[in-house]
């Protein structure tokens, strides 16, 4: 029997990295500095994460 895939499995390595930093409570600006991206790029990653994981806000993303 196939094991159901976790939504996490659909994330890229960078998306997982951004997710981990969001869970740790980092702001978009802090994340941007840490991984050398523009804050707007971090916001794009957050939006993509929420869409892929089926959540509508950052607190729900953290709970996920």
PDB file of N, CA and C in Angstrom:
ATOM      1  N   UNK A   1       0.843  -1.183   0.000  1.00  0.00           N
ATOM      2  CA  UNK A   1       0.000   0.000   0.000  1.00  0.00           C
ATOM      3  C   UNK A   1       0.884   1.240   0.000  1.00  0.00           C
ATOM      4  N   UNK A   2       0.620   2.169  -0.898  1.00  0.00           N
ATOM      5  CA  UNK A   2       1.405   3.399  -0.970  1.00  0.00           C
ATOM      6  C   UNK A   2       1.104   4.284   0.217  1.00  0.00           C
ATOM      7  N   UNK A   3       2.158   4.827   0.771  1.00  0.00           N
ATOM      8  CA  UNK A   3       2.001   5.777   1.864  1.00  0.00           C
ATOM      9  C   UNK A   3       1.619   7.123   1.277  1.00  0.00           C
ATOM     10  N   UNK A   4       0.666   7.795   1.884  1.00  0.00           N
ATOM     11  CA  UNK A   4       0.236   9.107   1.394  1.00  0.00           C
ATOM     12  C   UNK A   4       1.401  10.087   1.499  1.00  0.00           C
ATOM     13  N   UNK A   5       1.579  10.863   0.454  1.00  0.00           N
ATOM     14  CA  UNK A   5       2.654  11.864   0.453  1.00  0.00           C
ATOM     15  C   UNK A   5       2.259  13.043   1.319  1.00  0.00           C
ATOM     16  N   UNK A   6       3.230  13.533   2.040  1.00  0.00           N
ATOM     17  CA  UNK A   6       3.021  14.729   2.847  1.00  0.00           C
ATOM     18  C   UNK A   6       3.091  15.944   1.928  1.00  0.00           C
ATOM     19  N   UNK A   7       2.313  16.987   2.227  1.00  0.00           N
ATOM     20  CA  UNK A   7       2.436  18.217   1.434  1.00  0.00           C
ATOM     21  C   UNK A   7       3.858  18.776   1.475  1.00  0.00           C
ATOM     22  N   UNK A   8       4.593  18.480   2.540  1.00  0.00           N
ATOM     23  CA  UNK A   8       5.973  18.934   2.664  1.00  0.00           C
ATOM     24  C   UNK A   8       6.824  18.358   1.528  1.00  0.00           C
ATOM     25  N   UNK A   9       6.483  17.148   1.076  1.00  0.00           N
ATOM     26  CA  UNK A   9       7.243  16.511   0.006  1.00  0.00           C
ATOM     27  C   UNK A   9       7.219  17.313  -1.290  1.00  0.00           C
ATOM     28  N   UNK A  10       6.217  18.171  -1.463  1.00  0.00           N
ATOM     29  CA  UNK A  10       6.106  18.943  -2.702  1.00  0.00           C
ATOM     30  C   UNK A  10       6.940  20.228  -2.669  1.00  0.00           C
ATOM     31  N   UNK A  11       7.570  20.520  -1.532  1.00  0.00           N
ATOM     32  CA  UNK A  11       8.331  21.763  -1.398  1.00  0.00           C
ATOM     33  C   UNK A  11       9.761  21.598  -1.897  1.00  0.00           C
ATOM     34  N   UNK A  12      10.272  22.669  -2.479  1.00  0.00           N
ATOM     35  CA  UNK A  12      11.684  22.680  -2.888  1.00  0.00           C
ATOM     36  C   UNK A  12      12.554  22.843  -1.648  1.00  0.00           C
ATOM     37  N   UNK A  13      13.849  22.635  -1.802  1.00  0.00           N
ATOM     38  CA  UNK A  13      14.780  22.808  -0.683  1.00  0.00           C
ATOM     39  C   UNK A  13      14.720  24.237  -0.152  1.00  0.00           C
ATOM     40  N   UNK A  14      14.646  25.221  -1.040  1.00  0.00           N
ATOM     41  CA  UNK A  14      14.590  26.621  -0.613  1.00  0.00           C
ATOM     42  C   UNK A  14      13.287  26.914   0.119  1.00  0.00           C
ATOM     43  N   UNK A  15      12.176  26.350  -0.380  1.00  0.00           N
ATOM     44  CA  UNK A  15      10.889  26.542   0.298  1.00  0.00           C
ATOM     45  C   UNK A  15      10.926  25.940   1.700  1.00  0.00           C
ATOM     46  N   UNK A  16      11.540  24.784   1.836  1.00  0.00           N
ATOM     47  CA  UNK A  16      11.671  24.168   3.163  1.00  0.00           C
ATOM     48  C   UNK A  16      12.525  25.036   4.078  1.00  0.00           C
ATOM     49  N   UNK A  17      13.582  25.614   3.523  1.00  0.00           N
ATOM     50  CA  UNK A  17      14.456  26.492   4.303  1.00  0.00           C
ATOM     51  C   UNK A  17      13.676  27.712   4.801  1.00  0.00           C
ATOM     52  N   UNK A  18      12.922  28.335   3.904  1.00  0.00           N
ATOM     53  CA  UNK A  18      12.124  29.508   4.284  1.00  0.00           C
ATOM     54  C   UNK A  18      11.075  29.098   5.319  1.00  0.00           C
ATOM     55  N   UNK A  19      10.418  27.960   5.122  1.00  0.00           N
ATOM     56  CA  UNK A  19       9.424  27.480   6.075  1.00  0.00           C
ATOM     57  C   UNK A  19      10.051  27.311   7.458  1.00  0.00           C
ATOM     58  N   UNK A  20      11.215  26.703   7.524  1.00  0.00           N
ATOM     59  CA  UNK A  20      11.881  26.491   8.813  1.00  0.00           C
ATOM     60  C   UNK A  20      12.151  27.820   9.507  1.00  0.00           C
ATOM     61  N   UNK A  21      12.620  28.807   8.757  1.00  0.00           N
ATOM     62  CA  UNK A  21      12.923  30.112   9.338  1.00  0.00           C
ATOM     63  C   UNK A  21      11.651  30.839   9.789  1.00  0.00           C
ATOM     64  N   UNK A  22      10.566  30.686   9.033  1.00  0.00           N
ATOM     65  CA  UNK A  22       9.281  31.266   9.440  1.00  0.00           C
ATOM     66  C   UNK A  22       8.839  30.632  10.752  1.00  0.00           C
ATOM     67  N   UNK A  23       8.956  29.311  10.835  1.00  0.00           N
ATOM     68  CA  UNK A  23       8.563  28.592  12.052  1.00  0.00           C
ATOM     69  C   UNK A  23       9.396  29.057  13.246  1.00  0.00           C
ATOM     70  N   UNK A  24      10.655  29.390  12.998  1.00  0.00           N
ATOM     71  CA  UNK A  24      11.536  29.879  14.059  1.00  0.00           C
ATOM     72  C   UNK A  24      11.216  31.318  14.467  1.00  0.00           C
ATOM     73  N   UNK A  25      10.265  31.942  13.765  1.00  0.00           N
ATOM     74  CA  UNK A  25       9.829  33.279  14.140  1.00  0.00           C
ATOM     75  C   UNK A  25      10.573  34.415  13.466  1.00  0.00           C
ATOM     76  N   UNK A  26      11.335  34.106  12.439  1.00  0.00           N
ATOM     77  CA  UNK A  26      12.092  35.145  11.732  1.00  0.00           C
ATOM     78  C   UNK A  26      11.152  35.973  10.855  1.00  0.00           C
ATOM     79  N   UNK A  27      11.469  37.259  10.727  1.00  0.00           N
ATOM     80  CA  UNK A  27      10.710  38.134   9.829  1.00  0.00           C
ATOM     81  C   UNK A  27      11.213  37.949   8.401  1.00  0.00           C
ATOM     82  N   UNK A  28      10.456  38.479   7.445  1.00  0.00           N
ATOM     83  CA  UNK A  28      10.894  38.394   6.045  1.00  0.00           C
ATOM     84  C   UNK A  28      12.237  39.082   5.849  1.00  0.00           C
ATOM     85  N   UNK A  29      12.437  40.214   6.521  1.00  0.00           N
ATOM     86  CA  UNK A  29      13.703  40.929   6.380  1.00  0.00           C
ATOM     87  C   UNK A  29      14.851  40.110   6.964  1.00  0.00           C
ATOM     88  N   UNK A  30      14.631  39.510   8.121  1.00  0.00           N
ATOM     89  CA  UNK A  30      15.673  38.662   8.726  1.00  0.00           C
ATOM     90  C   UNK A  30      15.999  37.475   7.833  1.00  0.00           C
ATOM     91  N   UNK A  31      14.959  36.835   7.313  1.00  0.00           N
ATOM     92  CA  UNK A  31      15.171  35.691   6.417  1.00  0.00           C
ATOM     93  C   UNK A  31      15.932  36.128   5.175  1.00  0.00           C
ATOM     94  N   UNK A  32      15.536  37.260   4.612  1.00  0.00           N
ATOM     95  CA  UNK A  32      16.203  37.772   3.404  1.00  0.00           C
ATOM     96  C   UNK A  32      17.695  37.959   3.637  1.00  0.00           C
ATOM     97  N   UNK A  33      18.055  38.551   4.770  1.00  0.00           N
ATOM     98  CA  UNK A  33      19.477  38.747   5.081  1.00  0.00           C
ATOM     99  C   UNK A  33      20.187  37.414   5.275  1.00  0.00           C
ATOM    100  N   UNK A  34      19.534  36.475   5.926  1.00  0.00           N
ATOM    101  CA  UNK A  34      20.156  35.186   6.234  1.00  0.00           C
ATOM    102  C   UNK A  34      20.430  34.353   4.990  1.00  0.00           C
ATOM    103  N   UNK A  35      19.514  34.400   4.027  1.00  0.00           N
ATOM    104  CA  UNK A  35      19.673  33.526   2.848  1.00  0.00           C
ATOM    105  C   UNK A  35      19.934  34.317   1.566  1.00  0.00           C
ATOM    106  N   UNK A  36      20.270  35.594   1.737  1.00  0.00           N
ATOM    107  CA  UNK A  36      20.717  36.436   0.622  1.00  0.00           C
ATOM    108  C   UNK A  36      19.684  36.571  -0.495  1.00  0.00           C
ATOM    109  N   UNK A  37      18.464  36.939  -0.093  1.00  0.00           N
ATOM    110  CA  UNK A  37      17.385  37.218  -1.042  1.00  0.00           C
ATOM    111  C   UNK A  37      16.804  38.585  -0.723  1.00  0.00           C
ATOM    112  N   UNK A  38      16.062  39.131  -1.665  1.00  0.00           N
ATOM    113  CA  UNK A  38      15.319  40.362  -1.412  1.00  0.00           C
ATOM    114  C   UNK A  38      14.120  40.021  -0.517  1.00  0.00           C
ATOM    115  N   UNK A  39      13.745  40.938   0.384  1.00  0.00           N
ATOM    116  CA  UNK A  39      12.557  40.681   1.212  1.00  0.00           C
ATOM    117  C   UNK A  39      11.316  40.342   0.381  1.00  0.00           C
ATOM    118  N   UNK A  40      11.189  40.954  -0.786  1.00  0.00           N
ATOM    119  CA  UNK A  40      10.028  40.648  -1.638  1.00  0.00           C
ATOM    120  C   UNK A  40      10.062  39.195  -2.118  1.00  0.00           C
ATOM    121  N   UNK A  41      11.248  38.660  -2.336  1.00  0.00           N
ATOM    122  CA  UNK A  41      11.369  37.248  -2.727  1.00  0.00           C
ATOM    123  C   UNK A  41      10.937  36.341  -1.589  1.00  0.00           C
ATOM    124  N   UNK A  42      11.304  36.714  -0.364  1.00  0.00           N
ATOM    125  CA  UNK A  42      10.889  35.932   0.803  1.00  0.00           C
ATOM    126  C   UNK A  42       9.358  35.948   0.910  1.00  0.00           C
ATOM    127  N   UNK A  43       8.748  37.107   0.664  1.00  0.00           N
ATOM    128  CA  UNK A  43       7.284  37.198   0.693  1.00  0.00           C
ATOM    129  C   UNK A  43       6.669  36.279  -0.362  1.00  0.00           C
ATOM    130  N   UNK A  44       7.296  36.212  -1.523  1.00  0.00           N
ATOM    131  CA  UNK A  44       6.815  35.321  -2.576  1.00  0.00           C
ATOM    132  C   UNK A  44       6.894  33.875  -2.123  1.00  0.00           C
ATOM    133  N   UNK A  45       8.010  33.516  -1.489  1.00  0.00           N
ATOM    134  CA  UNK A  45       8.144  32.150  -0.965  1.00  0.00           C
ATOM    135  C   UNK A  45       7.068  31.860   0.078  1.00  0.00           C
ATOM    136  N   UNK A  46       6.815  32.813   0.974  1.00  0.00           N
ATOM    137  CA  UNK A  46       5.775  32.612   1.994  1.00  0.00           C
ATOM    138  C   UNK A  46       4.427  32.366   1.331  1.00  0.00           C
ATOM    139  N   UNK A  47       4.101  33.185   0.339  1.00  0.00           N
ATOM    140  CA  UNK A  47       2.818  33.036  -0.364  1.00  0.00           C
ATOM    141  C   UNK A  47       2.724  31.677  -1.044  1.00  0.00           C
ATOM    142  N   UNK A  48       3.799  31.273  -1.683  1.00  0.00           N
ATOM    143  CA  UNK A  48       3.821  29.977  -2.368  1.00  0.00           C
ATOM    144  C   UNK A  48       3.671  28.839  -1.356  1.00  0.00           C
ATOM    145  N   UNK A  49       4.346  28.963  -0.215  1.00  0.00           N
ATOM    146  CA  UNK A  49       4.227  27.945   0.836  1.00  0.00           C
ATOM    147  C   UNK A  49       2.787  27.828   1.317  1.00  0.00           C
ATOM    148  N   UNK A  50       2.152  28.966   1.563  1.00  0.00           N
ATOM    149  CA  UNK A  50       0.767  28.944   2.051  1.00  0.00           C
ATOM    150  C   UNK A  50      -0.151  28.293   1.017  1.00  0.00           C
ATOM    151  N   UNK A  51       0.077  28.590  -0.252  1.00  0.00           N
ATOM    152  CA  UNK A  51      -0.748  28.006  -1.308  1.00  0.00           C
ATOM    153  C   UNK A  51      -0.529  26.491  -1.365  1.00  0.00           C
ATOM    154  N   UNK A  52       0.722  26.064  -1.385  1.00  0.00           N
ATOM    155  CA  UNK A  52       1.027  24.638  -1.500  1.00  0.00           C
ATOM    156  C   UNK A  52       0.546  23.841  -0.293  1.00  0.00           C
ATOM    157  N   UNK A  53       0.592  24.467   0.882  1.00  0.00           N
ATOM    158  CA  UNK A  53       0.228  23.759   2.105  1.00  0.00           C
ATOM    159  C   UNK A  53      -1.235  23.975   2.499  1.00  0.00           C
ATOM    160  N   UNK A  54      -1.943  24.802   1.732  1.00  0.00           N
ATOM    161  CA  UNK A  54      -3.362  24.986   1.952  1.00  0.00           C
ATOM    162  C   UNK A  54      -3.705  25.761   3.213  1.00  0.00           C
ATOM    163  N   UNK A  55      -2.868  26.747   3.542  1.00  0.00           N
ATOM    164  CA  UNK A  55      -3.161  27.595   4.699  1.00  0.00           C
ATOM    165  C   UNK A  55      -3.320  29.031   4.222  1.00  0.00           C
ATOM    166  N   UNK A  56      -4.012  29.848   5.047  1.00  0.00           N
ATOM    167  CA  UNK A  56      -4.345  31.192   4.577  1.00  0.00           C
ATOM    168  C   UNK A  56      -3.609  32.317   5.285  1.00  0.00           C
ATOM    169  N   UNK A  57      -2.840  31.988   6.330  1.00  0.00           N
ATOM    170  CA  UNK A  57      -2.110  33.047   7.027  1.00  0.00           C
ATOM    171  C   UNK A  57      -0.847  32.477   7.670  1.00  0.00           C
ATOM    172  N   UNK A  58       0.046  33.365   8.095  1.00  0.00           N
ATOM    173  CA  UNK A  58       1.332  32.935   8.637  1.00  0.00           C
ATOM    174  C   UNK A  58       1.177  32.122   9.931  1.00  0.00           C
ATOM    175  N   UNK A  59       0.300  32.514  10.865  1.00  0.00           N
ATOM    176  CA  UNK A  59       0.149  31.667  12.054  1.00  0.00           C
ATOM    177  C   UNK A  59      -0.255  30.227  11.709  1.00  0.00           C
ATOM    178  N   UNK A  60      -1.111  30.069  10.723  1.00  0.00           N
ATOM    179  CA  UNK A  60      -1.495  28.722  10.290  1.00  0.00           C
ATOM    180  C   UNK A  60      -0.322  27.996   9.655  1.00  0.00           C
ATOM    181  N   UNK A  61       0.517  28.743   8.950  1.00  0.00           N
ATOM    182  CA  UNK A  61       1.715  28.170   8.348  1.00  0.00           C
ATOM    183  C   UNK A  61       2.641  27.639   9.442  1.00  0.00           C
ATOM    184  N   UNK A  62       2.806  28.416  10.496  1.00  0.00           N
ATOM    185  CA  UNK A  62       3.659  27.995  11.608  1.00  0.00           C
ATOM    186  C   UNK A  62       3.096  26.761  12.286  1.00  0.00           C
ATOM    187  N   UNK A  63       1.771  26.712  12.476  1.00  0.00           N
ATOM    188  CA  UNK A  63       1.133  25.554  13.110  1.00  0.00           C
ATOM    189  C   UNK A  63       1.289  24.296  12.263  1.00  0.00           C
ATOM    190  N   UNK A  64       1.283  24.478  10.946  1.00  0.00           N
ATOM    191  CA  UNK A  64       1.374  23.347  10.038  1.00  0.00           C
ATOM    192  C   UNK A  64       2.621  22.536  10.353  1.00  0.00           C
TER     193      UNK A  64
END
